[in-house]
Amino acid sequence: MRPIALILSFLTLPMAAQADFQTLSGDQIARTLSGQVIFYEDGEQAFNADGTTRTKYYDGGAQGRWSVEQGQLCQKMSGRAKACFRIARDGDRLRFYEADGRYFTGYLE
């Protein structure tokens, strides 16, 4: 019996770890990002209060505009199509969810 309980407890760990992330509303996204720099594994992104944004990555960077639309962060970077993300937060960690459910994580400064 014990090995089964142990296995079941490990299976629930990923679900418990994700429970700390809370989906942000549009207003919460705007308050969280405006004037902030978010750090990613391979670079950073500044979200200026005037709606401009810039990225710096190890292989380059880009500039563009950001806004909140229908409860999502949307950004249009130079030379790229507009992209929108749902955002969830756990402390200083942010998850940016793509439409297909994939996500990447950033950290508040």
PDB file of N, CA and C in Angstrom:
ATOM      1  N   MET A   1       0.802  -1.187   0.000  1.00  0.00           N
ATOM      2  CA  MET A   1       0.000   0.000   0.000  1.00  0.00           C
ATOM      3  C   MET A   1       0.854   1.263   0.000  1.00  0.00           C
ATOM      4  N   ARG A   2       1.907   1.277   0.766  1.00  0.00           N
ATOM      5  CA  ARG A   2       2.736   2.470   0.862  1.00  0.00           C
ATOM      6  C   ARG A   2       3.351   2.883  -0.479  1.00  0.00           C
ATOM      7  N   PRO A   3       3.885   1.951  -1.275  1.00  0.00           N
ATOM      8  CA  PRO A   3       4.456   2.390  -2.553  1.00  0.00           C
ATOM      9  C   PRO A   3       3.432   3.097  -3.440  1.00  0.00           C
ATOM     10  N   ILE A   4       2.191   2.657  -3.414  1.00  0.00           N
ATOM     11  CA  ILE A   4       1.155   3.301  -4.235  1.00  0.00           C
ATOM     12  C   ILE A   4       0.898   4.721  -3.734  1.00  0.00           C
ATOM     13  N   ALA A   5       0.806   4.895  -2.421  1.00  0.00           N
ATOM     14  CA  ALA A   5       0.588   6.232  -1.859  1.00  0.00           C
ATOM     15  C   ALA A   5       1.754   7.151  -2.195  1.00  0.00           C
ATOM     16  N   LEU A   6       2.956   6.632  -2.154  1.00  0.00           N
ATOM     17  CA  LEU A   6       4.139   7.427  -2.480  1.00  0.00           C
ATOM     18  C   LEU A   6       4.112   7.849  -3.951  1.00  0.00           C
ATOM     19  N   ILE A   7       3.780   6.933  -4.822  1.00  0.00           N
ATOM     20  CA  ILE A   7       3.697   7.258  -6.252  1.00  0.00           C
ATOM     21  C   ILE A   7       2.614   8.300  -6.495  1.00  0.00           C
ATOM     22  N   LEU A   8       1.458   8.143  -5.867  1.00  0.00           N
ATOM     23  CA  LEU A   8       0.378   9.115  -6.045  1.00  0.00           C
ATOM     24  C   LEU A   8       0.774  10.489  -5.544  1.00  0.00           C
ATOM     25  N   SER A   9       1.538  10.564  -4.464  1.00  0.00           N
ATOM     26  CA  SER A   9       1.952  11.876  -3.963  1.00  0.00           C
ATOM     27  C   SER A   9       2.894  12.557  -4.945  1.00  0.00           C
ATOM     28  N   PHE A  10       3.766  11.810  -5.619  1.00  0.00           N
ATOM     29  CA  PHE A  10       4.649  12.404  -6.618  1.00  0.00           C
ATOM     30  C   PHE A  10       3.870  12.864  -7.843  1.00  0.00           C
ATOM     31  N   LEU A  11       2.824  12.130  -8.203  1.00  0.00           N
ATOM     32  CA  LEU A  11       2.023  12.507  -9.364  1.00  0.00           C
ATOM     33  C   LEU A  11       1.277  13.813  -9.134  1.00  0.00           C
ATOM     34  N   THR A  12       0.949  14.133  -7.911  1.00  0.00           N
ATOM     35  CA  THR A  12       0.205  15.359  -7.636  1.00  0.00           C
ATOM     36  C   THR A  12       1.110  16.561  -7.437  1.00  0.00           C
ATOM     37  N   LEU A  13       2.410  16.384  -7.316  1.00  0.00           N
ATOM     38  CA  LEU A  13       3.326  17.506  -7.103  1.00  0.00           C
ATOM     39  C   LEU A  13       3.247  18.557  -8.210  1.00  0.00           C
ATOM     40  N   PRO A  14       3.299  18.206  -9.487  1.00  0.00           N
ATOM     41  CA  PRO A  14       3.217  19.252 -10.501  1.00  0.00           C
ATOM     42  C   PRO A  14       1.924  20.048 -10.429  1.00  0.00           C
ATOM     43  N   MET A  15       0.819  19.403 -10.121  1.00  0.00           N
ATOM     44  CA  MET A  15      -0.449  20.111 -10.025  1.00  0.00           C
ATOM     45  C   MET A  15      -0.420  21.063  -8.826  1.00  0.00           C
ATOM     46  N   ALA A  16       0.146  20.646  -7.719  1.00  0.00           N
ATOM     47  CA  ALA A  16       0.221  21.504  -6.542  1.00  0.00           C
ATOM     48  C   ALA A  16       1.129  22.691  -6.804  1.00  0.00           C
ATOM     49  N   ALA A  17       2.236  22.469  -7.498  1.00  0.00           N
ATOM     50  CA  ALA A  17       3.166  23.561  -7.788  1.00  0.00           C
ATOM     51  C   ALA A  17       2.511  24.601  -8.686  1.00  0.00           C
ATOM     52  N   GLN A  18       1.669  24.186  -9.616  1.00  0.00           N
ATOM     53  CA  GLN A  18       1.022  25.127 -10.512  1.00  0.00           C
ATOM     54  C   GLN A  18      -0.102  25.890  -9.821  1.00  0.00           C
ATOM     55  N   ALA A  19      -0.610  25.368  -8.725  1.00  0.00           N
ATOM     56  CA  ALA A  19      -1.742  26.003  -8.049  1.00  0.00           C
ATOM     57  C   ALA A  19      -1.382  27.373  -7.492  1.00  0.00           C
ATOM     58  N   ASP A  20      -0.094  27.663  -7.291  1.00  0.00           N
ATOM     59  CA  ASP A  20       0.324  28.950  -6.760  1.00  0.00           C
ATOM     60  C   ASP A  20       0.190  30.068  -7.786  1.00  0.00           C
ATOM     61  N   PHE A  21       0.173  29.753  -9.057  1.00  0.00           N
ATOM     62  CA  PHE A  21       0.051  30.770 -10.100  1.00  0.00           C
ATOM     63  C   PHE A  21      -1.411  31.178 -10.248  1.00  0.00           C
ATOM     64  N   GLN A  22      -1.666  32.481 -10.172  1.00  0.00           N
ATOM     65  CA  GLN A  22      -3.010  33.021 -10.312  1.00  0.00           C
ATOM     66  C   GLN A  22      -3.097  33.825 -11.599  1.00  0.00           C
ATOM     67  N   THR A  23      -4.105  33.548 -12.413  1.00  0.00           N
ATOM     68  CA  THR A  23      -4.297  34.279 -13.655  1.00  0.00           C
ATOM     69  C   THR A  23      -4.610  35.736 -13.348  1.00  0.00           C
ATOM     70  N   LEU A  24      -3.954  36.649 -14.052  1.00  0.00           N
ATOM     71  CA  LEU A  24      -4.149  38.083 -13.839  1.00  0.00           C
ATOM     72  C   LEU A  24      -5.246  38.621 -14.753  1.00  0.00           C
ATOM     73  N   SER A  25      -6.009  39.571 -14.236  1.00  0.00           N
ATOM     74  CA  SER A  25      -7.000  40.276 -15.048  1.00  0.00           C
ATOM     75  C   SER A  25      -6.265  41.318 -15.898  1.00  0.00           C
ATOM     76  N   GLY A  26      -6.976  41.932 -16.811  1.00  0.00           N
ATOM     77  CA  GLY A  26      -6.374  42.974 -17.637  1.00  0.00           C
ATOM     78  C   GLY A  26      -5.795  44.109 -16.811  1.00  0.00           C
ATOM     79  N   ASP A  27      -6.558  44.582 -15.814  1.00  0.00           N
ATOM     80  CA  ASP A  27      -6.065  45.660 -14.943  1.00  0.00           C
ATOM     81  C   ASP A  27      -4.828  45.224 -14.169  1.00  0.00           C
ATOM     82  N   GLN A  28      -4.824  43.993 -13.691  1.00  0.00           N
ATOM     83  CA  GLN A  28      -3.664  43.487 -12.956  1.00  0.00           C
ATOM     84  C   GLN A  28      -2.445  43.371 -13.856  1.00  0.00           C
ATOM     85  N   ILE A  29      -2.648  42.971 -15.116  1.00  0.00           N
ATOM     86  CA  ILE A  29      -1.536  42.896 -16.067  1.00  0.00           C
ATOM     87  C   ILE A  29      -0.929  44.278 -16.252  1.00  0.00           C
ATOM     88  N   ALA A  30      -1.780  45.269 -16.484  1.00  0.00           N
ATOM     89  CA  ALA A  30      -1.296  46.635 -16.708  1.00  0.00           C
ATOM     90  C   ALA A  30      -0.525  47.143 -15.491  1.00  0.00           C
ATOM     91  N   ARG A  31      -1.064  46.946 -14.295  1.00  0.00           N
ATOM     92  CA  ARG A  31      -0.377  47.408 -13.076  1.00  0.00           C
ATOM     93  C   ARG A  31       0.923  46.657 -12.835  1.00  0.00           C
ATOM     94  N   THR A  32       0.939  45.377 -13.142  1.00  0.00           N
ATOM     95  CA  THR A  32       2.123  44.555 -12.903  1.00  0.00           C
ATOM     96  C   THR A  32       3.264  44.905 -13.852  1.00  0.00           C
ATOM     97  N   LEU A  33       2.956  45.139 -15.127  1.00  0.00           N
ATOM     98  CA  LEU A  33       4.010  45.320 -16.126  1.00  0.00           C
ATOM     99  C   LEU A  33       4.441  46.768 -16.336  1.00  0.00           C
ATOM    100  N   SER A  34       3.543  47.710 -16.166  1.00  0.00           N
ATOM    101  CA  SER A  34       3.854  49.103 -16.494  1.00  0.00           C
ATOM    102  C   SER A  34       5.052  49.620 -15.695  1.00  0.00           C
ATOM    103  N   GLY A  35       6.084  50.041 -16.426  1.00  0.00           N
ATOM    104  CA  GLY A  35       7.292  50.576 -15.818  1.00  0.00           C
ATOM    105  C   GLY A  35       8.248  49.526 -15.290  1.00  0.00           C
ATOM    106  N   GLN A  36       8.024  48.273 -15.605  1.00  0.00           N
ATOM    107  CA  GLN A  36       8.842  47.188 -15.073  1.00  0.00           C
ATOM    108  C   GLN A  36       9.740  46.557 -16.132  1.00  0.00           C
ATOM    109  N   VAL A  37      10.758  45.880 -15.655  1.00  0.00           N
ATOM    110  CA  VAL A  37      11.618  45.050 -16.491  1.00  0.00           C
ATOM    111  C   VAL A  37      11.397  43.604 -16.061  1.00  0.00           C
ATOM    112  N   ILE A  38      11.120  42.739 -17.017  1.00  0.00           N
ATOM    113  CA  ILE A  38      10.938  41.321 -16.756  1.00  0.00           C
ATOM    114  C   ILE A  38      12.186  40.594 -17.261  1.00  0.00           C
ATOM    115  N   PHE A  39      12.719  39.724 -16.436  1.00  0.00           N
ATOM    116  CA  PHE A  39      13.919  38.966 -16.795  1.00  0.00           C
ATOM    117  C   PHE A  39      13.525  37.547 -17.173  1.00  0.00           C
ATOM    118  N   TYR A  40      14.074  37.086 -18.294  1.00  0.00           N
ATOM    119  CA  TYR A  40      13.839  35.739 -18.785  1.00  0.00           C
ATOM    120  C   TYR A  40      15.163  34.983 -18.731  1.00  0.00           C
ATOM    121  N   GLU A  41      15.104  33.708 -19.000  1.00  0.00           N
ATOM    122  CA  GLU A  41      16.308  32.882 -18.998  1.00  0.00           C
ATOM    123  C   GLU A  41      17.353  33.405 -19.975  1.00  0.00           C
ATOM    124  N   ASP A  42      16.911  33.920 -21.105  1.00  0.00           N
ATOM    125  CA  ASP A  42      17.845  34.332 -22.153  1.00  0.00           C
ATOM    126  C   ASP A  42      17.837  35.831 -22.447  1.00  0.00           C
ATOM    127  N   GLY A  43      17.261  36.646 -21.553  1.00  0.00           N
ATOM    128  CA  GLY A  43      17.261  38.082 -21.804  1.00  0.00           C
ATOM    129  C   GLY A  43      16.308  38.824 -20.884  1.00  0.00           C
ATOM    130  N   GLU A  44      15.856  39.992 -21.343  1.00  0.00           N
ATOM    131  CA  GLU A  44      14.964  40.818 -20.537  1.00  0.00           C
ATOM    132  C   GLU A  44      14.060  41.639 -21.442  1.00  0.00           C
ATOM    133  N   GLN A  45      12.976  42.151 -20.843  1.00  0.00           N
ATOM    134  CA  GLN A  45      12.043  42.998 -21.582  1.00  0.00           C
ATOM    135  C   GLN A  45      11.558  44.112 -20.678  1.00  0.00           C
ATOM    136  N   ALA A  46      11.650  45.344 -21.168  1.00  0.00           N
ATOM    137  CA  ALA A  46      11.144  46.508 -20.448  1.00  0.00           C
ATOM    138  C   ALA A  46       9.760  46.853 -20.985  1.00  0.00           C
ATOM    139  N   PHE A  47       8.817  47.072 -20.074  1.00  0.00           N
ATOM    140  CA  PHE A  47       7.456  47.478 -20.406  1.00  0.00           C
ATOM    141  C   PHE A  47       7.277  48.906 -19.905  1.00  0.00           C
ATOM    142  N   ASN A  48       7.480  49.876 -20.768  1.00  0.00           N
ATOM    143  CA  ASN A  48       7.402  51.283 -20.378  1.00  0.00           C
ATOM    144  C   ASN A  48       5.952  51.723 -20.195  1.00  0.00           C
ATOM    145  N   ALA A  49       5.751  52.686 -19.292  1.00  0.00           N
ATOM    146  CA  ALA A  49       4.406  53.176 -18.985  1.00  0.00           C
ATOM    147  C   ALA A  49       3.723  53.808 -20.190  1.00  0.00           C
ATOM    148  N   ASP A  50       4.500  54.289 -21.178  1.00  0.00           N
ATOM    149  CA  ASP A  50       3.911  54.916 -22.370  1.00  0.00           C
ATOM    150  C   ASP A  50       3.483  53.903 -23.435  1.00  0.00           C
ATOM    151  N   GLY A  51       3.579  52.603 -23.123  1.00  0.00           N
ATOM    152  CA  GLY A  51       3.146  51.570 -24.064  1.00  0.00           C
ATOM    153  C   GLY A  51       4.238  51.073 -24.996  1.00  0.00           C
ATOM    154  N   THR A  52       5.437  51.593 -24.861  1.00  0.00           N
ATOM    155  CA  THR A  52       6.551  51.074 -25.666  1.00  0.00           C
ATOM    156  C   THR A  52       7.224  49.940 -24.899  1.00  0.00           C
ATOM    157  N   THR A  53       7.873  49.069 -25.622  1.00  0.00           N
ATOM    158  CA  THR A  53       8.594  47.956 -25.011  1.00  0.00           C
ATOM    159  C   THR A  53       9.869  47.701 -25.802  1.00  0.00           C
ATOM    160  N   ARG A  54      10.851  47.154 -25.131  1.00  0.00           N
ATOM    161  CA  ARG A  54      12.089  46.760 -25.797  1.00  0.00           C
ATOM    162  C   ARG A  54      12.589  45.476 -25.165  1.00  0.00           C
ATOM    163  N   THR A  55      13.171  44.646 -25.995  1.00  0.00           N
ATOM    164  CA  THR A  55      13.759  43.403 -25.514  1.00  0.00           C
ATOM    165  C   THR A  55      15.257  43.438 -25.737  1.00  0.00           C
ATOM    166  N   LYS A  56      15.971  42.774 -24.870  1.00  0.00           N
ATOM    167  CA  LYS A  56      17.409  42.550 -25.019  1.00  0.00           C
ATOM    168  C   LYS A  56      17.634  41.070 -24.774  1.00  0.00           C
ATOM    169  N   TYR A  57      18.110  40.402 -25.804  1.00  0.00           N
ATOM    170  CA  TYR A  57      18.437  38.985 -25.685  1.00  0.00           C
ATOM    171  C   TYR A  57      19.892  38.810 -26.051  1.00  0.00           C
ATOM    172  N   TYR A  58      20.424  37.661 -25.717  1.00  0.00           N
ATOM    173  CA  TYR A  58      21.838  37.402 -25.998  1.00  0.00           C
ATOM    174  C   TYR A  58      22.146  37.489 -27.480  1.00  0.00           C
ATOM    175  N   ASP A  59      21.163  37.215 -28.327  1.00  0.00           N
ATOM    176  CA  ASP A  59      21.383  37.257 -29.772  1.00  0.00           C
ATOM    177  C   ASP A  59      20.769  38.496 -30.431  1.00  0.00           C
ATOM    178  N   GLY A  60      20.442  39.525 -29.654  1.00  0.00           N
ATOM    179  CA  GLY A  60      19.892  40.753 -30.231  1.00  0.00           C
ATOM    180  C   GLY A  60      18.733  41.288 -29.409  1.00  0.00           C
ATOM    181  N   GLY A  61      17.920  42.096 -30.051  1.00  0.00           N
ATOM    182  CA  GLY A  61      16.791  42.691 -29.354  1.00  0.00           C
ATOM    183  C   GLY A  61      15.800  43.264 -30.342  1.00  0.00           C
ATOM    184  N   ALA A  62      14.731  43.840 -29.808  1.00  0.00           N
ATOM    185  CA  ALA A  62      13.692  44.429 -30.652  1.00  0.00           C
ATOM    186  C   ALA A  62      12.969  45.508 -29.857  1.00  0.00           C
ATOM    187  N   GLN A  63      12.254  46.343 -30.586  1.00  0.00           N
ATOM    188  CA  GLN A  63      11.420  47.372 -29.979  1.00  0.00           C
ATOM    189  C   GLN A  63      10.010  47.233 -30.516  1.00  0.00           C
ATOM    190  N   GLY A  64       9.056  47.725 -29.758  1.00  0.00           N
ATOM    191  CA  GLY A  64       7.670  47.643 -30.197  1.00  0.00           C
ATOM    192  C   GLY A  64       6.743  48.330 -29.224  1.00  0.00           C
ATOM    193  N   ARG A  65       5.475  47.896 -29.239  1.00  0.00           N
ATOM    194  CA  ARG A  65       4.449  48.470 -28.368  1.00  0.00           C
ATOM    195  C   ARG A  65       3.729  47.338 -27.654  1.00  0.00           C
ATOM    196  N   TRP A  66       3.264  47.638 -26.445  1.00  0.00           N
ATOM    197  CA  TRP A  66       2.484  46.668 -25.688  1.00  0.00           C
ATOM    198  C   TRP A  66       1.187  47.311 -25.221  1.00  0.00           C
ATOM    199  N   SER A  67       0.177  46.459 -25.027  1.00  0.00           N
ATOM    200  CA  SER A  67      -1.121  46.912 -24.536  1.00  0.00           C
ATOM    201  C   SER A  67      -1.813  45.721 -23.883  1.00  0.00           C
ATOM    202  N   VAL A  68      -2.915  45.999 -23.225  1.00  0.00           N
ATOM    203  CA  VAL A  68      -3.743  44.947 -22.655  1.00  0.00           C
ATOM    204  C   VAL A  68      -5.053  44.947 -23.431  1.00  0.00           C
ATOM    205  N   GLU A  69      -5.387  43.798 -23.999  1.00  0.00           N
ATOM    206  CA  GLU A  69      -6.591  43.650 -24.802  1.00  0.00           C
ATOM    207  C   GLU A  69      -7.322  42.379 -24.384  1.00  0.00           C
ATOM    208  N   GLN A  70      -8.586  42.508 -24.056  1.00  0.00           N
ATOM    209  CA  GLN A  70      -9.434  41.370 -23.669  1.00  0.00           C
ATOM    210  C   GLN A  70      -8.763  40.504 -22.609  1.00  0.00           C
ATOM    211  N   GLY A  71      -8.153  41.161 -21.613  1.00  0.00           N
ATOM    212  CA  GLY A  71      -7.555  40.447 -20.498  1.00  0.00           C
ATOM    213  C   GLY A  71      -6.239  39.766 -20.795  1.00  0.00           C
ATOM    214  N   GLN A  72      -5.596  40.158 -21.895  1.00  0.00           N
ATOM    215  CA  GLN A  72      -4.307  39.564 -22.261  1.00  0.00           C
ATOM    216  C   GLN A  72      -3.287  40.653 -22.558  1.00  0.00           C
ATOM    217  N   LEU A  73      -2.013  40.319 -22.339  1.00  0.00           N
ATOM    218  CA  LEU A  73      -0.927  41.172 -22.788  1.00  0.00           C
ATOM    219  C   LEU A  73      -0.767  40.965 -24.285  1.00  0.00           C
ATOM    220  N   CYS A  74      -0.805  42.050 -25.056  1.00  0.00           N
ATOM    221  CA  CYS A  74      -0.551  41.969 -26.491  1.00  0.00           C
ATOM    222  C   CYS A  74       0.646  42.854 -26.803  1.00  0.00           C
ATOM    223  N   GLN A  75       1.474  42.375 -27.700  1.00  0.00           N
ATOM    224  CA  GLN A  75       2.626  43.170 -28.106  1.00  0.00           C
ATOM    225  C   GLN A  75       2.873  43.016 -29.593  1.00  0.00           C
ATOM    226  N   LYS A  76       3.305  44.106 -30.168  1.00  0.00           N
ATOM    227  CA  LYS A  76       3.655  44.139 -31.597  1.00  0.00           C
ATOM    228  C   LYS A  76       5.098  44.612 -31.669  1.00  0.00           C
ATOM    229  N   MET A  77       5.991  43.695 -31.932  1.00  0.00           N
ATOM    230  CA  MET A  77       7.409  44.016 -32.019  1.00  0.00           C
ATOM    231  C   MET A  77       7.771  44.293 -33.473  1.00  0.00           C
ATOM    232  N   SER A  78       8.765  45.139 -33.670  1.00  0.00           N
ATOM    233  CA  SER A  78       9.180  45.493 -35.033  1.00  0.00           C
ATOM    234  C   SER A  78       9.524  44.231 -35.829  1.00  0.00           C
ATOM    235  N   GLY A  79       8.928  44.139 -37.014  1.00  0.00           N
ATOM    236  CA  GLY A  79       9.199  43.015 -37.908  1.00  0.00           C
ATOM    237  C   GLY A  79       8.528  41.711 -37.522  1.00  0.00           C
ATOM    238  N   ARG A  80       7.626  41.742 -36.546  1.00  0.00           N
ATOM    239  CA  ARG A  80       6.958  40.515 -36.104  1.00  0.00           C
ATOM    240  C   ARG A  80       5.455  40.723 -36.054  1.00  0.00           C
ATOM    241  N   ALA A  81       4.734  39.621 -36.103  1.00  0.00           N
ATOM    242  CA  ALA A  81       3.276  39.680 -35.985  1.00  0.00           C
ATOM    243  C   ALA A  81       2.888  39.979 -34.537  1.00  0.00           C
ATOM    244  N   LYS A  82       1.717  40.536 -34.352  1.00  0.00           N
ATOM    245  CA  LYS A  82       1.200  40.801 -33.017  1.00  0.00           C
ATOM    246  C   LYS A  82       1.008  39.471 -32.283  1.00  0.00           C
ATOM    247  N   ALA A  83       1.378  39.444 -31.001  1.00  0.00           N
ATOM    248  CA  ALA A  83       1.234  38.241 -30.181  1.00  0.00           C
ATOM    249  C   ALA A  83       0.571  38.624 -28.867  1.00  0.00           C
ATOM    250  N   CYS A  84      -0.333  37.768 -28.398  1.00  0.00           N
ATOM    251  CA  CYS A  84      -1.033  38.021 -27.138  1.00  0.00           C
ATOM    252  C   CYS A  84      -0.846  36.826 -26.205  1.00  0.00           C
ATOM    253  N   PHE A  85      -0.796  37.115 -24.894  1.00  0.00           N
ATOM    254  CA  PHE A  85      -0.530  36.104 -23.887  1.00  0.00           C
ATOM    255  C   PHE A  85      -1.423  36.307 -22.668  1.00  0.00           C
ATOM    256  N   ARG A  86      -1.954  35.216 -22.136  1.00  0.00           N
ATOM    257  CA  ARG A  86      -2.542  35.247 -20.804  1.00  0.00           C
ATOM    258  C   ARG A  86      -1.371  35.246 -19.828  1.00  0.00           C
ATOM    259  N   ILE A  87      -1.540  35.888 -18.682  1.00  0.00           N
ATOM    260  CA  ILE A  87      -0.452  35.936 -17.711  1.00  0.00           C
ATOM    261  C   ILE A  87      -0.949  35.439 -16.367  1.00  0.00           C
ATOM    262  N   ALA A  88      -0.123  34.615 -15.723  1.00  0.00           N
ATOM    263  CA  ALA A  88      -0.382  34.156 -14.357  1.00  0.00           C
ATOM    264  C   ALA A  88       0.825  34.533 -13.510  1.00  0.00           C
ATOM    265  N   ARG A  89       0.569  34.800 -12.234  1.00  0.00           N
ATOM    266  CA  ARG A  89       1.632  35.285 -11.350  1.00  0.00           C
ATOM    267  C   ARG A  89       1.700  34.462 -10.074  1.00  0.00           C
ATOM    268  N   ASP A  90       2.925  34.231  -9.626  1.00  0.00           N
ATOM    269  CA  ASP A  90       3.196  33.634  -8.324  1.00  0.00           C
ATOM    270  C   ASP A  90       4.369  34.407  -7.736  1.00  0.00           C
ATOM    271  N   GLY A  91       4.080  35.355  -6.846  1.00  0.00           N
ATOM    272  CA  GLY A  91       5.140  36.193  -6.276  1.00  0.00           C
ATOM    273  C   GLY A  91       5.788  37.027  -7.364  1.00  0.00           C
ATOM    274  N   ASP A  92       7.101  36.867  -7.538  1.00  0.00           N
ATOM    275  CA  ASP A  92       7.805  37.627  -8.574  1.00  0.00           C
ATOM    276  C   ASP A  92       7.934  36.857  -9.881  1.00  0.00           C
ATOM    277  N   ARG A  93       7.313  35.677  -9.967  1.00  0.00           N
ATOM    278  CA  ARG A  93       7.350  34.872 -11.194  1.00  0.00           C
ATOM    279  C   ARG A  93       6.095  35.112 -12.019  1.00  0.00           C
ATOM    280  N   LEU A  94       6.280  35.271 -13.318  1.00  0.00           N
ATOM    281  CA  LEU A  94       5.169  35.442 -14.256  1.00  0.00           C
ATOM    282  C   LEU A  94       5.248  34.353 -15.309  1.00  0.00           C
ATOM    283  N   ARG A  95       4.107  33.784 -15.639  1.00  0.00           N
ATOM    284  CA  ARG A  95       4.034  32.840 -16.755  1.00  0.00           C
ATOM    285  C   ARG A  95       3.242  33.501 -17.862  1.00  0.00           C
ATOM    286  N   PHE A  96       3.798  33.455 -19.049  1.00  0.00           N
ATOM    287  CA  PHE A  96       3.188  34.016 -20.243  1.00  0.00           C
ATOM    288  C   PHE A  96       2.674  32.840 -21.075  1.00  0.00           C
ATOM    289  N   TYR A  97       1.346  32.692 -21.141  1.00  0.00           N
ATOM    290  CA  TYR A  97       0.734  31.551 -21.819  1.00  0.00           C
ATOM    291  C   TYR A  97       0.363  31.906 -23.249  1.00  0.00           C
ATOM    292  N   GLU A  98       0.821  31.069 -24.170  1.00  0.00           N
ATOM    293  CA  GLU A  98       0.445  31.207 -25.570  1.00  0.00           C
ATOM    294  C   GLU A  98      -0.928  30.569 -25.779  1.00  0.00           C
ATOM    295  N   ALA A  99      -1.542  30.809 -26.923  1.00  0.00           N
ATOM    296  CA  ALA A  99      -2.890  30.306 -27.198  1.00  0.00           C
ATOM    297  C   ALA A  99      -2.968  28.782 -27.126  1.00  0.00           C
ATOM    298  N   ASP A 100      -1.875  28.089 -27.448  1.00  0.00           N
ATOM    299  CA  ASP A 100      -1.888  26.626 -27.439  1.00  0.00           C
ATOM    300  C   ASP A 100      -1.569  26.032 -26.064  1.00  0.00           C
ATOM    301  N   GLY A 101      -1.417  26.884 -25.050  1.00  0.00           N
ATOM    302  CA  GLY A 101      -1.160  26.400 -23.694  1.00  0.00           C
ATOM    303  C   GLY A 101       0.302  26.371 -23.292  1.00  0.00           C
ATOM    304  N   ARG A 102       1.197  26.471 -24.275  1.00  0.00           N
ATOM    305  CA  ARG A 102       2.624  26.528 -23.927  1.00  0.00           C
ATOM    306  C   ARG A 102       2.888  27.835 -23.198  1.00  0.00           C
ATOM    307  N   TYR A 103       3.895  27.849 -22.349  1.00  0.00           N
ATOM    308  CA  TYR A 103       4.211  29.069 -21.624  1.00  0.00           C
ATOM    309  C   TYR A 103       5.712  29.222 -21.430  1.00  0.00           C
ATOM    310  N   PHE A 104       6.110  30.442 -21.130  1.00  0.00           N
ATOM    311  CA  PHE A 104       7.482  30.721 -20.702  1.00  0.00           C
ATOM    312  C   PHE A 104       7.391  31.553 -19.439  1.00  0.00           C
ATOM    313  N   THR A 105       8.445  31.533 -18.656  1.00  0.00           N
ATOM    314  CA  THR A 105       8.436  32.184 -17.350  1.00  0.00           C
ATOM    315  C   THR A 105       9.389  33.354 -17.325  1.00  0.00           C
ATOM    316  N   GLY A 106       8.940  34.427 -16.711  1.00  0.00           N
ATOM    317  CA  GLY A 106       9.763  35.610 -16.491  1.00  0.00           C
ATOM    318  C   GLY A 106       9.728  35.984 -15.022  1.00  0.00           C
ATOM    319  N   TYR A 107      10.643  36.873 -14.632  1.00  0.00           N
ATOM    320  CA  TYR A 107      10.773  37.280 -13.242  1.00  0.00           C
ATOM    321  C   TYR A 107      10.778  38.790 -13.151  1.00  0.00           C
ATOM    322  N   LEU A 108      10.021  39.326 -12.202  1.00  0.00           N
ATOM    323  CA  LEU A 108      10.013  40.770 -11.971  1.00  0.00           C
ATOM    324  C   LEU A 108      11.344  41.188 -11.360  1.00  0.00           C
ATOM    325  N   GLU A 109      11.764  42.386 -11.694  1.00  0.00           N
ATOM    326  CA  GLU A 109      13.016  42.939 -11.190  1.00  0.00           C
ATOM    327  C   GLU A 109      12.943  43.124  -9.690  1.00  0.00           C
TER     328      GLU A 109
END
